[in-house]
N, C-alpha and C. Protein backbone atom coordinates (compact mmCIF):
# COMPACT_ATOMS: atom_id res chain seq x y z
N PRO A 1 -27.31 -13.23 19.89
CA PRO A 1 -26.12 -13.85 19.55
C PRO A 1 -25.49 -13.66 18.23
N TYR A 2 -26.33 -12.88 17.30
CA TYR A 2 -25.80 -12.64 16.13
C TYR A 2 -25.79 -11.16 15.92
N LEU A 3 -25.01 -10.63 14.91
CA LEU A 3 -24.73 -9.31 14.59
C LEU A 3 -25.53 -9.00 13.48
N ALA A 4 -25.97 -7.61 13.37
CA ALA A 4 -26.77 -7.26 12.32
C ALA A 4 -26.05 -7.41 10.87
N GLU A 5 -26.67 -7.71 9.87
CA GLU A 5 -26.04 -7.86 8.56
C GLU A 5 -25.19 -6.51 8.23
N GLU A 6 -25.78 -5.50 8.52
CA GLU A 6 -25.10 -4.27 8.17
C GLU A 6 -24.57 -3.46 9.28
N PRO A 7 -23.41 -3.04 9.41
CA PRO A 7 -22.80 -2.26 10.66
C PRO A 7 -23.60 -0.85 10.78
N PRO A 8 -23.67 -0.43 12.20
CA PRO A 8 -24.23 0.73 12.25
C PRO A 8 -23.71 1.94 11.49
N PRO A 9 -24.32 2.84 11.14
CA PRO A 9 -23.85 3.89 10.28
C PRO A 9 -22.70 4.73 10.96
N GLY A 10 -21.62 4.97 10.22
CA GLY A 10 -20.52 5.53 10.85
C GLY A 10 -19.40 4.77 11.33
N VAL A 11 -19.56 3.30 11.32
CA VAL A 11 -18.62 2.53 11.83
C VAL A 11 -17.52 2.11 10.81
N LEU A 12 -18.13 1.66 9.61
CA LEU A 12 -17.34 1.07 8.57
C LEU A 12 -16.59 2.26 7.98
N LEU A 13 -15.13 2.31 8.02
CA LEU A 13 -14.34 3.24 7.51
C LEU A 13 -14.47 4.69 8.22
N ALA A 14 -14.88 4.53 9.42
CA ALA A 14 -14.98 5.80 10.07
C ALA A 14 -13.39 6.46 10.25
N PRO A 15 -13.27 7.76 10.14
CA PRO A 15 -11.76 8.23 10.19
C PRO A 15 -11.01 7.91 11.46
N ALA A 16 -11.69 7.56 12.50
CA ALA A 16 -10.91 7.14 13.65
C ALA A 16 -10.45 5.87 13.57
N HIS A 17 -11.36 5.00 12.96
CA HIS A 17 -10.99 3.50 12.72
C HIS A 17 -9.86 3.44 11.58
N VAL A 18 -9.98 4.11 10.65
CA VAL A 18 -8.93 4.15 9.55
C VAL A 18 -7.71 4.57 10.14
N ALA A 19 -7.69 5.77 10.88
CA ALA A 19 -6.40 6.24 11.41
C ALA A 19 -5.79 5.22 12.23
N ALA A 20 -6.63 4.51 13.15
CA ALA A 20 -6.11 3.44 14.07
C ALA A 20 -5.48 2.20 13.30
N ALA A 21 -6.08 1.87 12.22
CA ALA A 21 -5.66 0.84 11.32
C ALA A 21 -4.33 1.26 10.72
N ARG A 22 -4.19 2.50 10.22
CA ARG A 22 -2.96 3.06 9.71
C ARG A 22 -1.77 2.80 10.74
N ARG A 23 -2.10 3.33 11.86
CA ARG A 23 -1.10 3.26 12.89
C ARG A 23 -0.58 1.83 13.27
N ALA A 24 -1.54 0.98 13.35
CA ALA A 24 -1.33 -0.41 13.62
C ALA A 24 -0.46 -1.10 12.45
N ALA A 25 -0.70 -0.71 11.21
CA ALA A 25 0.02 -1.29 10.12
C ALA A 25 1.49 -0.74 10.07
N GLU A 26 1.57 0.66 10.36
CA GLU A 26 2.91 1.27 10.43
C GLU A 26 3.60 0.59 11.60
N ARG A 27 3.12 0.46 12.69
CA ARG A 27 3.89 -0.21 13.66
C ARG A 27 4.12 -1.73 13.47
N SER A 28 3.44 -2.33 12.65
CA SER A 28 3.57 -3.81 12.54
C SER A 28 4.50 -4.13 11.41
N MET A 29 4.96 -3.30 10.41
CA MET A 29 5.65 -3.46 9.44
C MET A 29 7.17 -3.95 9.73
N VAL A 30 7.57 -4.93 9.07
CA VAL A 30 8.85 -5.45 9.27
C VAL A 30 9.80 -5.68 7.89
N LEU A 31 10.91 -4.96 7.99
CA LEU A 31 11.74 -5.05 6.93
C LEU A 31 12.60 -6.23 7.04
N LEU A 32 12.51 -7.34 6.14
CA LEU A 32 13.17 -8.51 6.39
C LEU A 32 14.49 -8.38 6.07
N LYS A 33 14.91 -7.60 5.01
CA LYS A 33 16.40 -7.50 4.79
C LYS A 33 16.66 -6.17 4.07
N ASN A 34 17.64 -5.46 4.63
CA ASN A 34 17.98 -4.08 4.29
C ASN A 34 19.42 -4.03 3.89
N GLU A 35 19.67 -4.79 2.70
CA GLU A 35 21.19 -4.91 2.25
C GLU A 35 21.56 -3.42 1.94
N ARG A 36 22.76 -3.36 2.39
CA ARG A 36 23.60 -2.10 2.09
C ARG A 36 22.77 -0.79 2.40
N ALA A 37 21.91 -0.91 3.56
CA ALA A 37 21.32 0.27 3.95
C ALA A 37 20.48 0.94 2.99
N ALA A 38 19.71 0.07 2.21
CA ALA A 38 18.99 0.54 1.03
C ALA A 38 17.79 1.57 1.48
N LEU A 39 17.26 1.38 2.68
CA LEU A 39 16.24 2.05 3.09
C LEU A 39 16.62 2.81 4.35
N PRO A 40 16.17 3.93 4.71
CA PRO A 40 15.00 4.58 3.96
C PRO A 40 15.79 5.20 2.55
N LEU A 41 15.11 5.42 1.56
CA LEU A 41 15.75 6.06 0.41
C LEU A 41 16.35 7.45 0.62
N ALA A 42 17.44 7.70 0.17
CA ALA A 42 17.97 8.91 0.13
C ALA A 42 17.16 9.95 -0.65
N PRO A 43 17.12 11.11 -0.19
CA PRO A 43 16.61 12.23 -0.77
C PRO A 43 17.12 12.53 -2.34
N THR A 44 18.31 12.00 -2.55
CA THR A 44 18.93 12.04 -3.83
C THR A 44 18.63 10.98 -4.85
N THR A 45 17.75 10.00 -4.39
CA THR A 45 17.45 8.92 -5.21
C THR A 45 16.70 9.30 -6.49
N ARG A 46 17.29 9.07 -7.60
CA ARG A 46 16.74 9.54 -9.18
C ARG A 46 15.90 8.53 -9.69
N ARG A 47 16.26 7.31 -9.47
CA ARG A 47 15.38 6.04 -10.10
C ARG A 47 14.94 5.08 -9.11
N LEU A 48 13.91 4.48 -9.37
CA LEU A 48 13.29 3.66 -8.50
C LEU A 48 12.57 2.59 -9.22
N ALA A 49 12.79 1.34 -9.09
CA ALA A 49 12.02 0.17 -9.78
C ALA A 49 11.05 -0.49 -8.71
N VAL A 50 9.76 -0.43 -8.89
CA VAL A 50 8.78 -1.21 -8.14
C VAL A 50 8.32 -2.41 -8.91
N VAL A 51 8.56 -3.44 -8.38
CA VAL A 51 8.47 -4.87 -9.15
C VAL A 51 7.52 -5.68 -8.31
N GLY A 52 6.68 -6.41 -9.05
CA GLY A 52 5.67 -7.40 -8.42
C GLY A 52 4.43 -7.55 -9.20
N PRO A 53 3.94 -8.76 -9.17
CA PRO A 53 2.70 -9.08 -9.93
C PRO A 53 1.35 -8.38 -9.52
N PHE A 54 1.52 -7.77 -8.48
CA PHE A 54 0.25 -7.10 -7.90
C PHE A 54 0.28 -5.61 -7.69
N ILE A 55 1.46 -5.08 -8.16
CA ILE A 55 1.47 -3.54 -7.84
C ILE A 55 0.43 -2.67 -8.46
N ASP A 56 -0.39 -2.98 -9.43
CA ASP A 56 -1.41 -2.20 -9.89
C ASP A 56 -2.68 -2.81 -9.41
N GLN A 57 -2.72 -3.60 -8.52
CA GLN A 57 -4.06 -4.18 -8.08
C GLN A 57 -4.48 -3.70 -6.77
N ARG A 58 -5.73 -3.31 -6.61
CA ARG A 58 -6.23 -2.91 -5.25
C ARG A 58 -6.86 -4.12 -4.58
N ARG A 59 -7.81 -4.84 -5.08
CA ARG A 59 -8.44 -5.80 -4.56
C ARG A 59 -7.59 -6.92 -3.92
N ASP A 60 -6.32 -7.13 -4.55
CA ASP A 60 -5.58 -8.21 -4.19
C ASP A 60 -5.03 -7.94 -2.79
N HIS A 61 -4.80 -6.65 -2.54
CA HIS A 61 -4.15 -6.44 -1.28
C HIS A 61 -5.03 -6.34 -0.13
N LEU A 62 -6.38 -6.33 -0.33
CA LEU A 62 -7.18 -6.36 0.61
C LEU A 62 -7.21 -7.81 1.25
N GLY A 63 -6.83 -8.93 0.62
CA GLY A 63 -6.92 -10.15 1.19
C GLY A 63 -8.22 -10.92 0.99
N ILE A 64 -8.22 -12.24 0.95
CA ILE A 64 -9.46 -12.98 0.68
C ILE A 64 -10.21 -12.89 1.92
N TRP A 65 -9.68 -12.68 3.11
CA TRP A 65 -10.47 -12.55 4.21
C TRP A 65 -11.30 -11.21 4.44
N THR A 66 -11.20 -10.44 3.63
CA THR A 66 -11.88 -9.12 3.76
C THR A 66 -13.09 -9.23 2.87
N LEU A 67 -14.28 -9.30 3.54
CA LEU A 67 -15.53 -9.40 2.78
C LEU A 67 -16.18 -8.12 2.47
N ASP A 68 -16.03 -7.19 3.36
CA ASP A 68 -16.79 -6.00 3.36
C ASP A 68 -15.86 -4.60 3.01
N ALA A 69 -14.74 -4.89 2.54
CA ALA A 69 -13.75 -3.68 2.24
C ALA A 69 -14.40 -3.14 0.83
N ARG A 70 -13.89 -2.01 0.73
CA ARG A 70 -14.53 -1.36 -0.48
C ARG A 70 -13.11 -0.90 -1.36
N GLU A 71 -12.98 -1.45 -2.40
CA GLU A 71 -11.94 -1.29 -3.33
C GLU A 71 -11.48 0.30 -3.48
N GLU A 72 -12.73 1.06 -3.80
CA GLU A 72 -12.43 2.52 -3.95
C GLU A 72 -12.05 3.25 -2.90
N GLU A 73 -11.86 2.41 -1.77
CA GLU A 73 -11.28 3.19 -0.39
C GLU A 73 -9.94 2.83 -0.25
N THR A 74 -9.23 2.18 -1.34
CA THR A 74 -7.79 1.70 -1.11
C THR A 74 -7.04 2.17 -2.37
N CYS A 75 -5.61 2.10 -2.23
CA CYS A 75 -4.95 2.38 -3.45
C CYS A 75 -4.02 1.30 -3.73
N SER A 76 -3.49 1.35 -4.97
CA SER A 76 -2.56 0.15 -5.28
C SER A 76 -1.25 0.67 -4.77
N ILE A 77 -0.08 -0.22 -4.78
CA ILE A 77 1.05 0.07 -4.51
C ILE A 77 1.63 1.02 -5.57
N ALA A 78 1.26 0.89 -6.84
CA ALA A 78 1.82 1.83 -7.81
C ALA A 78 1.21 3.31 -7.42
N GLU A 79 -0.16 3.35 -7.26
CA GLU A 79 -0.80 4.55 -6.93
C GLU A 79 -0.18 5.27 -5.74
N ALA A 80 0.21 4.48 -4.73
CA ALA A 80 0.80 5.19 -3.58
C ALA A 80 2.18 5.59 -3.99
N CYS A 81 2.91 4.77 -4.70
CA CYS A 81 4.25 5.32 -5.19
C CYS A 81 4.19 6.60 -5.96
N ARG A 82 3.32 6.56 -6.84
CA ARG A 82 3.22 7.79 -7.65
C ARG A 82 2.96 8.95 -6.82
N ALA A 83 2.03 8.82 -5.95
CA ALA A 83 1.76 9.85 -5.01
C ALA A 83 2.86 10.34 -4.06
N ALA A 84 3.58 9.37 -3.48
CA ALA A 84 4.75 9.71 -2.68
C ALA A 84 5.93 10.32 -3.31
N PHE A 85 6.09 9.95 -4.64
CA PHE A 85 7.24 10.60 -5.46
C PHE A 85 6.98 11.58 -6.35
N ALA A 86 5.55 11.97 -6.48
CA ALA A 86 5.22 13.23 -7.28
C ALA A 86 5.92 14.41 -6.78
N GLY A 87 6.70 14.94 -7.94
CA GLY A 87 7.25 16.22 -7.79
C GLY A 87 8.59 16.12 -6.98
N THR A 88 9.08 15.03 -6.80
CA THR A 88 10.33 14.77 -6.17
C THR A 88 11.61 14.70 -7.19
N GLY A 89 11.33 14.44 -8.48
CA GLY A 89 12.40 14.33 -9.44
C GLY A 89 12.76 12.98 -9.49
N THR A 90 12.37 11.98 -8.79
CA THR A 90 12.76 10.52 -8.85
C THR A 90 11.81 9.88 -9.90
N GLU A 91 12.46 9.26 -10.87
CA GLU A 91 11.73 8.47 -11.86
C GLU A 91 11.42 7.03 -11.19
N VAL A 92 10.15 6.82 -11.27
CA VAL A 92 9.59 5.41 -10.72
C VAL A 92 9.14 4.70 -11.88
N ARG A 93 9.69 3.36 -12.05
CA ARG A 93 9.27 2.51 -13.06
C ARG A 93 8.57 1.40 -12.42
N PHE A 94 7.59 0.94 -13.12
CA PHE A 94 6.69 -0.20 -12.49
C PHE A 94 6.65 -1.26 -13.47
N SER A 95 6.81 -2.51 -12.82
CA SER A 95 6.77 -3.82 -13.74
C SER A 95 6.16 -4.95 -12.78
N ALA A 96 5.40 -5.68 -13.65
CA ALA A 96 5.04 -6.92 -12.93
C ALA A 96 6.09 -8.08 -12.85
N SER A 97 6.98 -7.92 -13.64
CA SER A 97 8.16 -8.93 -13.69
C SER A 97 9.45 -8.11 -13.51
N ALA A 98 10.46 -8.81 -12.76
CA ALA A 98 11.81 -8.22 -12.65
C ALA A 98 12.64 -8.18 -14.01
N ALA A 99 12.21 -8.96 -15.02
CA ALA A 99 12.85 -9.04 -16.28
C ALA A 99 12.66 -7.76 -16.98
N HIS A 100 11.62 -7.11 -16.89
CA HIS A 100 11.07 -5.84 -17.49
C HIS A 100 11.31 -4.58 -16.71
N ALA A 101 11.98 -4.56 -15.68
CA ALA A 101 12.19 -3.60 -14.72
C ALA A 101 13.51 -2.84 -15.11
N GLN A 102 14.29 -3.23 -15.86
CA GLN A 102 15.56 -2.60 -16.12
C GLN A 102 15.56 -1.07 -16.71
């Protein structure tokens, strides 16, 4: 009736499981408001502000319900944005507060 304390080798973070989780996340995202058709970003976007108190945090995005996740297997929102916009010519600014994002 009980599970082993450690999952079998190759189960946790298996490439197929990570790919399935990514597909599920992509399909379940909901844009709550897209004023003036701001998204998707135009290829001509030159400046972007990413604002929020947890943009540089990895662990916080895993959630308190995640007990066995590995922080080193994740990236922060800021890291993802840096990677996504690298070499595009888009200047990306990060701030924990909207007051500093100008």
